[in-house]
């Protein structure tokens, strides 16, 4: 068989990292992606660097009930692109995406379908798949999205050590293919209240380390943003370090400003009406961004509580609540 290369794209990583670079927040809906331009640039880049023809680009994402949305269908129609979907669970988290990437990497390696794999992801959960592909004689190179400073964004220590190398996407590819979204002011014809998921979740993105089960404890209020009553923070959650507090302030400012720049008046009002619950996609972006800043993907309860306290202070100040 002739030598070939392949690219495995973790869309969740790519879009969140690109959004962080372009807007300061990993909130996915803050950017639009020109998939045709990106895939064309990615194909040229990999073929030039490997000197091998590209078998195809494998694009991994999650869909409701495992079905593609409009944007994912556009990706699937691109030449030499194979869309592979996991599922979105009831809390908005992705299920089955990492497993699909790992299985396909190992399968292609064992079948001698490719000699070089470029993996556009930084996920620690793919470390074992990288090592198994290498055991079959395949070279695996991590392809990272550049930060604003030019370094690799969000690549875990374990997967970086396992891979044969880390290469950074040229910044011009990201900046050419990913653009910030700025919403037009709402009109009377478009004033439809958006459906916002109101359940807070702990995203899988910031749960990389295994945790042991804890015994059930009585429910207690640790934080309330106030509303009709005075705000409250449990004493055990008041001891946040100065370093963490400053990091949270920066993350909250960047994420809220990025969200606000594309939010409609209805969405801003809807945010305030839902206090103290933060919409799940926005809450997840806050957690992921803080984890990236602190290089800690197992954030403490104290950090999570302080993050949400500062978010509401920022939101209420900015929105005049």
C-alpha atoms as a PDB file:
ATOM      1  CA  UNK A   1       0.000   0.000   0.000  1.00  0.00           C
ATOM      2  CA  UNK A   2       1.215   3.504  -0.731  1.00  0.00           C
ATOM      3  CA  UNK A   3       2.128   5.762   2.162  1.00  0.00           C
ATOM      4  CA  UNK A   4      -0.579   8.202   3.241  1.00  0.00           C
ATOM      5  CA  UNK A   5      -1.349  10.638   6.029  1.00  0.00           C
ATOM      6  CA  UNK A   6      -4.586  11.497   7.838  1.00  0.00           C
ATOM      7  CA  UNK A   7      -5.834  14.304  10.047  1.00  0.00           C
ATOM      8  CA  UNK A   8      -8.071  13.726  13.054  1.00  0.00           C
ATOM      9  CA  UNK A   9      -9.817  16.938  14.151  1.00  0.00           C
ATOM     10  CA  UNK A  10     -11.405  17.255  17.572  1.00  0.00           C
ATOM     11  CA  UNK A  11     -13.874  20.014  16.613  1.00  0.00           C
ATOM     12  CA  UNK A  12     -14.680  20.837  20.234  1.00  0.00           C
ATOM     13  CA  UNK A  13     -11.010  21.552  20.957  1.00  0.00           C
ATOM     14  CA  UNK A  14     -10.402  23.374  17.681  1.00  0.00           C
ATOM     15  CA  UNK A  15     -13.380  25.743  17.890  1.00  0.00           C
ATOM     16  CA  UNK A  16     -13.017  26.452  21.625  1.00  0.00           C
ATOM     17  CA  UNK A  17      -9.282  27.150  21.257  1.00  0.00           C
ATOM     18  CA  UNK A  18      -9.821  29.277  18.156  1.00  0.00           C
ATOM     19  CA  UNK A  19     -12.605  31.193  19.917  1.00  0.00           C
ATOM     20  CA  UNK A  20     -10.252  31.879  22.825  1.00  0.00           C
ATOM     21  CA  UNK A  21      -7.659  33.235  20.424  1.00  0.00           C
ATOM     22  CA  UNK A  22     -10.136  35.415  18.517  1.00  0.00           C
ATOM     23  CA  UNK A  23     -12.459  36.601  21.322  1.00  0.00           C
ATOM     24  CA  UNK A  24     -10.759  35.852  24.636  1.00  0.00           C
ATOM     25  CA  UNK A  25     -13.375  33.252  25.561  1.00  0.00           C
ATOM     26  CA  UNK A  26     -13.855  29.593  24.638  1.00  0.00           C
ATOM     27  CA  UNK A  27     -17.608  30.110  24.197  1.00  0.00           C
ATOM     28  CA  UNK A  28     -18.212  28.355  20.893  1.00  0.00           C
ATOM     29  CA  UNK A  29     -21.084  30.457  19.593  1.00  0.00           C
ATOM     30  CA  UNK A  30     -18.958  33.606  19.663  1.00  0.00           C
ATOM     31  CA  UNK A  31     -17.213  32.655  16.412  1.00  0.00           C
ATOM     32  CA  UNK A  32     -18.117  31.581  12.911  1.00  0.00           C
ATOM     33  CA  UNK A  33     -15.919  29.133  11.022  1.00  0.00           C
ATOM     34  CA  UNK A  34     -15.265  29.005   7.293  1.00  0.00           C
ATOM     35  CA  UNK A  35     -14.901  25.217   7.185  1.00  0.00           C
ATOM     36  CA  UNK A  36     -14.086  25.028   3.484  1.00  0.00           C
ATOM     37  CA  UNK A  37     -11.184  27.454   3.858  1.00  0.00           C
ATOM     38  CA  UNK A  38      -9.919  25.783   7.025  1.00  0.00           C
ATOM     39  CA  UNK A  39      -9.975  22.245   5.628  1.00  0.00           C
ATOM     40  CA  UNK A  40      -8.263  23.386   2.415  1.00  0.00           C
ATOM     41  CA  UNK A  41      -5.493  25.105   4.405  1.00  0.00           C
ATOM     42  CA  UNK A  42      -5.196  22.130   6.754  1.00  0.00           C
ATOM     43  CA  UNK A  43      -4.892  19.693   3.847  1.00  0.00           C
ATOM     44  CA  UNK A  44      -2.144  21.728   2.182  1.00  0.00           C
ATOM     45  CA  UNK A  45      -0.278  22.115   5.454  1.00  0.00           C
ATOM     46  CA  UNK A  46      -0.242  18.394   6.294  1.00  0.00           C
ATOM     47  CA  UNK A  47       0.683  17.288   2.778  1.00  0.00           C
ATOM     48  CA  UNK A  48       3.553  19.791   2.687  1.00  0.00           C
ATOM     49  CA  UNK A  49       4.886  18.780   6.114  1.00  0.00           C
ATOM     50  CA  UNK A  50       4.602  15.019   5.614  1.00  0.00           C
ATOM     51  CA  UNK A  51       5.391  14.820   1.914  1.00  0.00           C
ATOM     52  CA  UNK A  52       2.530  12.285   1.712  1.00  0.00           C
ATOM     53  CA  UNK A  53      -0.896  12.422   0.073  1.00  0.00           C
ATOM     54  CA  UNK A  54      -3.772  12.941   2.509  1.00  0.00           C
ATOM     55  CA  UNK A  55      -6.202  10.048   2.842  1.00  0.00           C
ATOM     56  CA  UNK A  56      -8.856  12.294   4.384  1.00  0.00           C
ATOM     57  CA  UNK A  57      -9.726  14.636   7.235  1.00  0.00           C
ATOM     58  CA  UNK A  58     -11.747  12.997  10.015  1.00  0.00           C
ATOM     59  CA  UNK A  59     -13.930  15.550  11.778  1.00  0.00           C
ATOM     60  CA  UNK A  60     -15.190  14.652  15.270  1.00  0.00           C
ATOM     61  CA  UNK A  61     -17.993  16.538  16.966  1.00  0.00           C
ATOM     62  CA  UNK A  62     -21.180  15.900  18.954  1.00  0.00           C
ATOM     63  CA  UNK A  63     -24.769  16.183  17.783  1.00  0.00           C
ATOM     64  CA  UNK A  64     -28.138  16.018  19.456  1.00  0.00           C
ATOM     65  CA  UNK A  65     -29.143  12.335  19.362  1.00  0.00           C
ATOM     66  CA  UNK A  66     -26.008  11.763  17.303  1.00  0.00           C
ATOM     67  CA  UNK A  67     -27.477  13.666  14.335  1.00  0.00           C
ATOM     68  CA  UNK A  68     -25.715  16.512  12.479  1.00  0.00           C
ATOM     69  CA  UNK A  69     -26.876  20.109  12.621  1.00  0.00           C
ATOM     70  CA  UNK A  70     -26.702  22.519   9.685  1.00  0.00           C
ATOM     71  CA  UNK A  71     -23.044  23.475  10.270  1.00  0.00           C
ATOM     72  CA  UNK A  72     -21.968  19.841  10.658  1.00  0.00           C
ATOM     73  CA  UNK A  73     -23.744  18.899   7.438  1.00  0.00           C
ATOM     74  CA  UNK A  74     -21.669  21.547   5.647  1.00  0.00           C
ATOM     75  CA  UNK A  75     -18.530  19.906   6.996  1.00  0.00           C
ATOM     76  CA  UNK A  76     -19.696  16.451   5.905  1.00  0.00           C
ATOM     77  CA  UNK A  77     -20.175  17.652   2.309  1.00  0.00           C
ATOM     78  CA  UNK A  78     -16.591  18.853   1.935  1.00  0.00           C
ATOM     79  CA  UNK A  79     -14.355  16.661  -0.259  1.00  0.00           C
ATOM     80  CA  UNK A  80     -12.126  14.170   1.564  1.00  0.00           C
ATOM     81  CA  UNK A  81     -13.799  14.913   4.914  1.00  0.00           C
ATOM     82  CA  UNK A  82     -15.498  12.260   7.047  1.00  0.00           C
ATOM     83  CA  UNK A  83     -17.834  13.520   9.778  1.00  0.00           C
ATOM     84  CA  UNK A  84     -17.916  11.371  12.906  1.00  0.00           C
ATOM     85  CA  UNK A  85     -20.446  12.327  15.582  1.00  0.00           C
ATOM     86  CA  UNK A  86     -20.816  11.562  19.245  1.00  0.00           C
ATOM     87  CA  UNK A  87     -23.855  12.645  21.243  1.00  0.00           C
ATOM     88  CA  UNK A  88     -24.872  15.666  23.290  1.00  0.00           C
ATOM     89  CA  UNK A  89     -26.334  14.636  26.644  1.00  0.00           C
ATOM     90  CA  UNK A  90     -29.177  16.342  28.505  1.00  0.00           C
ATOM     91  CA  UNK A  91     -26.712  18.587  30.346  1.00  0.00           C
ATOM     92  CA  UNK A  92     -25.052  19.799  27.155  1.00  0.00           C
ATOM     93  CA  UNK A  93     -21.917  17.653  27.515  1.00  0.00           C
ATOM     94  CA  UNK A  94     -20.290  15.609  24.757  1.00  0.00           C
ATOM     95  CA  UNK A  95     -20.403  11.824  24.895  1.00  0.00           C
ATOM     96  CA  UNK A  96     -18.496   9.337  22.755  1.00  0.00           C
ATOM     97  CA  UNK A  97     -16.314  11.814  20.846  1.00  0.00           C
ATOM     98  CA  UNK A  98     -12.989  10.854  22.437  1.00  0.00           C
ATOM     99  CA  UNK A  99     -13.860   7.169  22.087  1.00  0.00           C
ATOM    100  CA  UNK A 100     -14.524   7.540  18.357  1.00  0.00           C
ATOM    101  CA  UNK A 101     -11.231   9.359  17.832  1.00  0.00           C
ATOM    102  CA  UNK A 102      -9.294   6.730  19.755  1.00  0.00           C
ATOM    103  CA  UNK A 103     -10.935   3.772  18.014  1.00  0.00           C
ATOM    104  CA  UNK A 104     -10.376   5.268  14.566  1.00  0.00           C
ATOM    105  CA  UNK A 105      -6.723   6.081  15.280  1.00  0.00           C
ATOM    106  CA  UNK A 106      -6.050   2.550  16.454  1.00  0.00           C
ATOM    107  CA  UNK A 107      -8.072   0.993  13.618  1.00  0.00           C
ATOM    108  CA  UNK A 108      -6.259   2.954  10.903  1.00  0.00           C
ATOM    109  CA  UNK A 109      -2.912   2.068  12.437  1.00  0.00           C
ATOM    110  CA  UNK A 110      -3.614  -1.664  12.703  1.00  0.00           C
ATOM    111  CA  UNK A 111      -4.978  -1.742   9.142  1.00  0.00           C
ATOM    112  CA  UNK A 112      -1.866   0.045   7.836  1.00  0.00           C
ATOM    113  CA  UNK A 113      -4.132   2.658   6.247  1.00  0.00           C
ATOM    114  CA  UNK A 114      -1.795   5.539   7.132  1.00  0.00           C
ATOM    115  CA  UNK A 115       1.794   6.133   8.161  1.00  0.00           C
ATOM    116  CA  UNK A 116       1.403   9.560   9.748  1.00  0.00           C
ATOM    117  CA  UNK A 117      -1.476  10.931  11.812  1.00  0.00           C
ATOM    118  CA  UNK A 118      -1.878  14.598  12.656  1.00  0.00           C
ATOM    119  CA  UNK A 119      -4.127  14.939  15.699  1.00  0.00           C
ATOM    120  CA  UNK A 120      -5.728  18.357  16.176  1.00  0.00           C
ATOM    121  CA  UNK A 121      -6.524  18.021  19.876  1.00  0.00           C
ATOM    122  CA  UNK A 122      -4.933  18.411  23.264  1.00  0.00           C
ATOM    123  CA  UNK A 123      -7.118  15.972  25.173  1.00  0.00           C
ATOM    124  CA  UNK A 124      -5.430  13.912  27.870  1.00  0.00           C
ATOM    125  CA  UNK A 125      -7.963  11.114  27.283  1.00  0.00           C
ATOM    126  CA  UNK A 126      -6.360  10.388  23.889  1.00  0.00           C
ATOM    127  CA  UNK A 127      -2.943   9.548  25.342  1.00  0.00           C
ATOM    128  CA  UNK A 128      -3.454   5.772  25.266  1.00  0.00           C
ATOM    129  CA  UNK A 129      -4.772   5.879  21.679  1.00  0.00           C
ATOM    130  CA  UNK A 130      -1.663   7.827  20.622  1.00  0.00           C
ATOM    131  CA  UNK A 131       0.584   5.217  22.225  1.00  0.00           C
ATOM    132  CA  UNK A 132      -1.292   2.290  20.664  1.00  0.00           C
ATOM    133  CA  UNK A 133      -1.098   3.864  17.193  1.00  0.00           C
ATOM    134  CA  UNK A 134       2.645   4.337  17.675  1.00  0.00           C
ATOM    135  CA  UNK A 135       2.978   0.694  18.726  1.00  0.00           C
ATOM    136  CA  UNK A 136       1.591  -0.223  15.294  1.00  0.00           C
ATOM    137  CA  UNK A 137       4.326   1.785  13.574  1.00  0.00           C
ATOM    138  CA  UNK A 138       2.407   5.006  12.933  1.00  0.00           C
ATOM    139  CA  UNK A 139       3.849   8.430  13.693  1.00  0.00           C
ATOM    140  CA  UNK A 140       1.435  10.669  15.647  1.00  0.00           C
ATOM    141  CA  UNK A 141       1.950  14.420  15.753  1.00  0.00           C
ATOM    142  CA  UNK A 142      -0.165  16.797  17.833  1.00  0.00           C
ATOM    143  CA  UNK A 143      -1.376  19.846  15.938  1.00  0.00           C
ATOM    144  CA  UNK A 144      -2.237  22.681  18.330  1.00  0.00           C
ATOM    145  CA  UNK A 145      -4.128  25.936  17.935  1.00  0.00           C
ATOM    146  CA  UNK A 146      -1.847  28.891  18.750  1.00  0.00           C
ATOM    147  CA  UNK A 147      -2.544  31.100  21.740  1.00  0.00           C
ATOM    148  CA  UNK A 148      -2.377  34.875  21.369  1.00  0.00           C
ATOM    149  CA  UNK A 149       1.263  34.570  22.483  1.00  0.00           C
ATOM    150  CA  UNK A 150       2.019  31.925  19.851  1.00  0.00           C
ATOM    151  CA  UNK A 151       2.270  28.869  22.110  1.00  0.00           C
ATOM    152  CA  UNK A 152       0.166  25.669  21.936  1.00  0.00           C
ATOM    153  CA  UNK A 153      -3.308  26.093  23.416  1.00  0.00           C
ATOM    154  CA  UNK A 154      -4.634  23.537  25.893  1.00  0.00           C
ATOM    155  CA  UNK A 155      -2.417  20.532  25.132  1.00  0.00           C
ATOM    156  CA  UNK A 156      -2.245  18.189  28.114  1.00  0.00           C
ATOM    157  CA  UNK A 157       1.118  17.205  29.540  1.00  0.00           C
ATOM    158  CA  UNK A 158       0.532  13.473  29.080  1.00  0.00           C
ATOM    159  CA  UNK A 159      -0.524  13.572  25.441  1.00  0.00           C
ATOM    160  CA  UNK A 160       2.302  15.990  24.602  1.00  0.00           C
ATOM    161  CA  UNK A 161       4.863  13.575  26.076  1.00  0.00           C
ATOM    162  CA  UNK A 162       3.321  10.578  24.301  1.00  0.00           C
ATOM    163  CA  UNK A 163       3.180  12.132  20.821  1.00  0.00           C
ATOM    164  CA  UNK A 164       6.065  12.168  18.347  1.00  0.00           C
ATOM    165  CA  UNK A 165       5.949  15.945  18.344  1.00  0.00           C
ATOM    166  CA  UNK A 166       3.830  19.055  18.741  1.00  0.00           C
ATOM    167  CA  UNK A 167       3.373  21.477  15.888  1.00  0.00           C
ATOM    168  CA  UNK A 168       1.413  24.711  16.016  1.00  0.00           C
ATOM    169  CA  UNK A 169      -1.055  25.741  13.347  1.00  0.00           C
ATOM    170  CA  UNK A 170       0.082  28.914  11.583  1.00  0.00           C
ATOM    171  CA  UNK A 171      -1.856  31.807  13.096  1.00  0.00           C
ATOM    172  CA  UNK A 172      -2.906  33.059   9.665  1.00  0.00           C
ATOM    173  CA  UNK A 173      -4.885  29.846   9.069  1.00  0.00           C
ATOM    174  CA  UNK A 174      -6.898  30.396  12.236  1.00  0.00           C
ATOM    175  CA  UNK A 175      -7.368  34.116  11.673  1.00  0.00           C
ATOM    176  CA  UNK A 176      -8.425  33.560   8.068  1.00  0.00           C
ATOM    177  CA  UNK A 177     -10.943  30.802   8.874  1.00  0.00           C
ATOM    178  CA  UNK A 178     -12.379  31.830  12.267  1.00  0.00           C
ATOM    179  CA  UNK A 179     -14.089  35.191  12.812  1.00  0.00           C
ATOM    180  CA  UNK A 180     -15.807  36.719  15.853  1.00  0.00           C
ATOM    181  CA  UNK A 181     -19.572  36.962  15.624  1.00  0.00           C
ATOM    182  CA  UNK A 182     -21.254  40.282  16.339  1.00  0.00           C
ATOM    183  CA  UNK A 183     -25.037  40.156  16.498  1.00  0.00           C
ATOM    184  CA  UNK A 184     -27.152  42.826  14.903  1.00  0.00           C
ATOM    185  CA  UNK A 185     -29.551  44.664  17.245  1.00  0.00           C
ATOM    186  CA  UNK A 186     -32.826  42.719  17.672  1.00  0.00           C
ATOM    187  CA  UNK A 187     -35.800  43.767  15.582  1.00  0.00           C
ATOM    188  CA  UNK A 188     -39.478  43.411  16.372  1.00  0.00           C
ATOM    189  CA  UNK A 189     -39.683  40.547  13.853  1.00  0.00           C
ATOM    190  CA  UNK A 190     -36.927  38.620  15.582  1.00  0.00           C
ATOM    191  CA  UNK A 191     -37.850  39.135  19.223  1.00  0.00           C
ATOM    192  CA  UNK A 192     -38.247  35.477  20.094  1.00  0.00           C
ATOM    193  CA  UNK A 193     -37.094  34.395  23.514  1.00  0.00           C
ATOM    194  CA  UNK A 194     -34.190  31.970  23.001  1.00  0.00           C
ATOM    195  CA  UNK A 195     -34.328  28.531  24.514  1.00  0.00           C
ATOM    196  CA  UNK A 196     -31.584  28.544  27.127  1.00  0.00           C
ATOM    197  CA  UNK A 197     -30.593  25.441  29.069  1.00  0.00           C
ATOM    198  CA  UNK A 198     -30.839  26.394  32.725  1.00  0.00           C
ATOM    199  CA  UNK A 199     -29.116  23.522  34.447  1.00  0.00           C
ATOM    200  CA  UNK A 200     -25.574  24.168  35.590  1.00  0.00           C
ATOM    201  CA  UNK A 201     -23.120  21.427  34.743  1.00  0.00           C
ATOM    202  CA  UNK A 202     -19.576  20.493  35.541  1.00  0.00           C
ATOM    203  CA  UNK A 203     -18.063  20.104  32.044  1.00  0.00           C
ATOM    204  CA  UNK A 204     -16.074  17.015  31.174  1.00  0.00           C
ATOM    205  CA  UNK A 205     -13.403  19.360  29.823  1.00  0.00           C
ATOM    206  CA  UNK A 206     -12.346  20.257  33.348  1.00  0.00           C
ATOM    207  CA  UNK A 207     -12.759  16.774  34.851  1.00  0.00           C
ATOM    208  CA  UNK A 208      -9.589  15.123  33.519  1.00  0.00           C
ATOM    209  CA  UNK A 209      -8.457  13.473  36.735  1.00  0.00           C
ATOM    210  CA  UNK A 210     -10.184  10.447  38.203  1.00  0.00           C
ATOM    211  CA  UNK A 211     -12.161  11.229  41.335  1.00  0.00           C
ATOM    212  CA  UNK A 212     -13.280   9.008  44.153  1.00  0.00           C
ATOM    213  CA  UNK A 213     -16.877   8.857  45.217  1.00  0.00           C
ATOM    214  CA  UNK A 214     -17.724  10.984  48.228  1.00  0.00           C
ATOM    215  CA  UNK A 215     -20.331  10.132  50.841  1.00  0.00           C
ATOM    216  CA  UNK A 216     -23.573  12.043  50.609  1.00  0.00           C
ATOM    217  CA  UNK A 217     -23.755  15.132  52.795  1.00  0.00           C
ATOM    218  CA  UNK A 218     -26.748  17.227  53.825  1.00  0.00           C
ATOM    219  CA  UNK A 219     -27.680  19.952  51.361  1.00  0.00           C
ATOM    220  CA  UNK A 220     -26.649  23.465  52.334  1.00  0.00           C
ATOM    221  CA  UNK A 221     -26.591  26.863  50.674  1.00  0.00           C
ATOM    222  CA  UNK A 222     -23.017  27.968  49.956  1.00  0.00           C
ATOM    223  CA  UNK A 223     -23.739  30.853  47.620  1.00  0.00           C
ATOM    224  CA  UNK A 224     -26.665  33.061  46.646  1.00  0.00           C
ATOM    225  CA  UNK A 225     -26.468  36.108  44.396  1.00  0.00           C
ATOM    226  CA  UNK A 226     -29.189  37.776  46.396  1.00  0.00           C
ATOM    227  CA  UNK A 227     -32.294  38.746  44.480  1.00  0.00           C
ATOM    228  CA  UNK A 228     -34.957  39.635  47.046  1.00  0.00           C
ATOM    229  CA  UNK A 229     -32.593  38.863  49.920  1.00  0.00           C
ATOM    230  CA  UNK A 230     -29.038  39.787  50.781  1.00  0.00           C
ATOM    231  CA  UNK A 231     -26.265  37.884  48.996  1.00  0.00           C
ATOM    232  CA  UNK A 232     -24.620  35.086  50.964  1.00  0.00           C
ATOM    233  CA  UNK A 233     -21.386  33.100  50.810  1.00  0.00           C
ATOM    234  CA  UNK A 234     -20.689  30.218  53.191  1.00  0.00           C
ATOM    235  CA  UNK A 235     -17.632  30.927  55.395  1.00  0.00           C
ATOM    236  CA  UNK A 236     -15.697  27.897  54.135  1.00  0.00           C
ATOM    237  CA  UNK A 237     -15.778  29.338  50.581  1.00  0.00           C
ATOM    238  CA  UNK A 238     -14.366  32.759  51.422  1.00  0.00           C
ATOM    239  CA  UNK A 239     -10.688  31.721  51.495  1.00  0.00           C
ATOM    240  CA  UNK A 240      -9.626  32.180  47.847  1.00  0.00           C
ATOM    241  CA  UNK A 241      -5.988  33.026  47.132  1.00  0.00           C
ATOM    242  CA  UNK A 242      -5.079  36.355  45.577  1.00  0.00           C
ATOM    243  CA  UNK A 243      -3.632  34.597  42.524  1.00  0.00           C
ATOM    244  CA  UNK A 244      -6.844  32.658  41.936  1.00  0.00           C
ATOM    245  CA  UNK A 245      -9.009  35.729  42.533  1.00  0.00           C
ATOM    246  CA  UNK A 246      -7.043  37.730  39.949  1.00  0.00           C
ATOM    247  CA  UNK A 247      -7.244  34.869  37.445  1.00  0.00           C
ATOM    248  CA  UNK A 248     -11.002  34.635  37.962  1.00  0.00           C
ATOM    249  CA  UNK A 249     -11.429  38.379  37.519  1.00  0.00           C
ATOM    250  CA  UNK A 250      -9.598  38.213  34.195  1.00  0.00           C
ATOM    251  CA  UNK A 251     -11.548  35.189  32.955  1.00  0.00           C
ATOM    252  CA  UNK A 252     -14.903  36.657  33.986  1.00  0.00           C
ATOM    253  CA  UNK A 253     -14.126  39.979  32.316  1.00  0.00           C
ATOM    254  CA  UNK A 254     -13.016  38.440  29.029  1.00  0.00           C
ATOM    255  CA  UNK A 255     -15.803  35.864  28.878  1.00  0.00           C
ATOM    256  CA  UNK A 256     -18.596  38.256  29.813  1.00  0.00           C
ATOM    257  CA  UNK A 257     -17.390  40.958  27.415  1.00  0.00           C
ATOM    258  CA  UNK A 258     -17.141  38.422  24.584  1.00  0.00           C
ATOM    259  CA  UNK A 259     -20.613  37.047  25.365  1.00  0.00           C
ATOM    260  CA  UNK A 260     -22.129  40.512  25.695  1.00  0.00           C
ATOM    261  CA  UNK A 261     -20.726  41.629  22.345  1.00  0.00           C
ATOM    262  CA  UNK A 262     -22.938  39.108  20.522  1.00  0.00           C
ATOM    263  CA  UNK A 263     -25.906  38.900  22.925  1.00  0.00           C
ATOM    264  CA  UNK A 264     -29.241  40.460  22.077  1.00  0.00           C
ATOM    265  CA  UNK A 265     -31.229  42.588  24.501  1.00  0.00           C
ATOM    266  CA  UNK A 266     -33.560  39.647  25.065  1.00  0.00           C
ATOM    267  CA  UNK A 267     -30.645  37.356  25.906  1.00  0.00           C
ATOM    268  CA  UNK A 268     -29.258  39.878  28.385  1.00  0.00           C
ATOM    269  CA  UNK A 269     -32.649  40.203  30.088  1.00  0.00           C
ATOM    270  CA  UNK A 270     -33.043  36.430  30.054  1.00  0.00           C
ATOM    271  CA  UNK A 271     -29.669  36.053  31.766  1.00  0.00           C
ATOM    272  CA  UNK A 272     -30.734  38.319  34.624  1.00  0.00           C
ATOM    273  CA  UNK A 273     -34.117  36.624  35.015  1.00  0.00           C
ATOM    274  CA  UNK A 274     -32.376  33.271  35.453  1.00  0.00           C
ATOM    275  CA  UNK A 275     -30.239  34.352  38.435  1.00  0.00           C
ATOM    276  CA  UNK A 276     -28.389  32.723  40.106  1.00  0.00           C
ATOM    277  CA  UNK A 277     -28.182  29.991  37.446  1.00  0.00           C
ATOM    278  CA  UNK A 278     -25.783  30.620  34.563  1.00  0.00           C
ATOM    279  CA  UNK A 279     -26.704  29.154  31.135  1.00  0.00           C
ATOM    280  CA  UNK A 280     -24.811  25.903  30.686  1.00  0.00           C
ATOM    281  CA  UNK A 281     -22.760  26.888  27.624  1.00  0.00           C
ATOM    282  CA  UNK A 282     -21.635  30.109  29.290  1.00  0.00           C
ATOM    283  CA  UNK A 283     -20.920  28.335  32.585  1.00  0.00           C
ATOM    284  CA  UNK A 284     -18.863  25.705  30.772  1.00  0.00           C
ATOM    285  CA  UNK A 285     -16.838  28.368  28.971  1.00  0.00           C
ATOM    286  CA  UNK A 286     -16.055  30.092  32.276  1.00  0.00           C
ATOM    287  CA  UNK A 287     -14.860  26.814  33.802  1.00  0.00           C
ATOM    288  CA  UNK A 288     -12.779  25.793  30.792  1.00  0.00           C
ATOM    289  CA  UNK A 289     -11.169  29.229  30.499  1.00  0.00           C
ATOM    290  CA  UNK A 290     -10.267  29.306  34.191  1.00  0.00           C
ATOM    291  CA  UNK A 291      -8.862  25.778  33.984  1.00  0.00           C
ATOM    292  CA  UNK A 292      -6.681  26.859  31.050  1.00  0.00           C
ATOM    293  CA  UNK A 293      -5.414  29.949  32.873  1.00  0.00           C
ATOM    294  CA  UNK A 294      -4.644  28.036  36.075  1.00  0.00           C
ATOM    295  CA  UNK A 295      -3.411  24.889  34.261  1.00  0.00           C
ATOM    296  CA  UNK A 296      -5.692  23.001  36.646  1.00  0.00           C
ATOM    297  CA  UNK A 297      -8.309  20.749  35.077  1.00  0.00           C
ATOM    298  CA  UNK A 298      -9.772  19.664  38.393  1.00  0.00           C
ATOM    299  CA  UNK A 299     -10.931  23.007  39.777  1.00  0.00           C
ATOM    300  CA  UNK A 300     -11.803  23.127  43.476  1.00  0.00           C
ATOM    301  CA  UNK A 301     -15.292  23.858  44.732  1.00  0.00           C
ATOM    302  CA  UNK A 302     -13.979  27.117  46.169  1.00  0.00           C
ATOM    303  CA  UNK A 303     -12.740  28.190  42.737  1.00  0.00           C
ATOM    304  CA  UNK A 304     -16.066  27.333  41.113  1.00  0.00           C
ATOM    305  CA  UNK A 305     -18.082  29.249  43.700  1.00  0.00           C
ATOM    306  CA  UNK A 306     -15.820  32.311  43.470  1.00  0.00           C
ATOM    307  CA  UNK A 307     -15.977  32.170  39.670  1.00  0.00           C
ATOM    308  CA  UNK A 308     -19.768  32.348  39.730  1.00  0.00           C
ATOM    309  CA  UNK A 309     -19.812  35.068  42.409  1.00  0.00           C
ATOM    310  CA  UNK A 310     -17.540  37.264  40.312  1.00  0.00           C
ATOM    311  CA  UNK A 311     -19.519  36.512  37.158  1.00  0.00           C
ATOM    312  CA  UNK A 312     -22.725  37.802  38.720  1.00  0.00           C
ATOM    313  CA  UNK A 313     -20.998  40.880  40.103  1.00  0.00           C
ATOM    314  CA  UNK A 314     -19.726  41.630  36.607  1.00  0.00           C
ATOM    315  CA  UNK A 315     -23.075  40.877  34.935  1.00  0.00           C
ATOM    316  CA  UNK A 316     -25.147  42.924  37.361  1.00  0.00           C
ATOM    317  CA  UNK A 317     -22.756  45.856  37.137  1.00  0.00           C
ATOM    318  CA  UNK A 318     -22.609  45.751  33.332  1.00  0.00           C
ATOM    319  CA  UNK A 319     -26.347  45.215  32.807  1.00  0.00           C
ATOM    320  CA  UNK A 320     -27.434  47.686  35.443  1.00  0.00           C
ATOM    321  CA  UNK A 321     -29.282  45.144  37.600  1.00  0.00           C
END
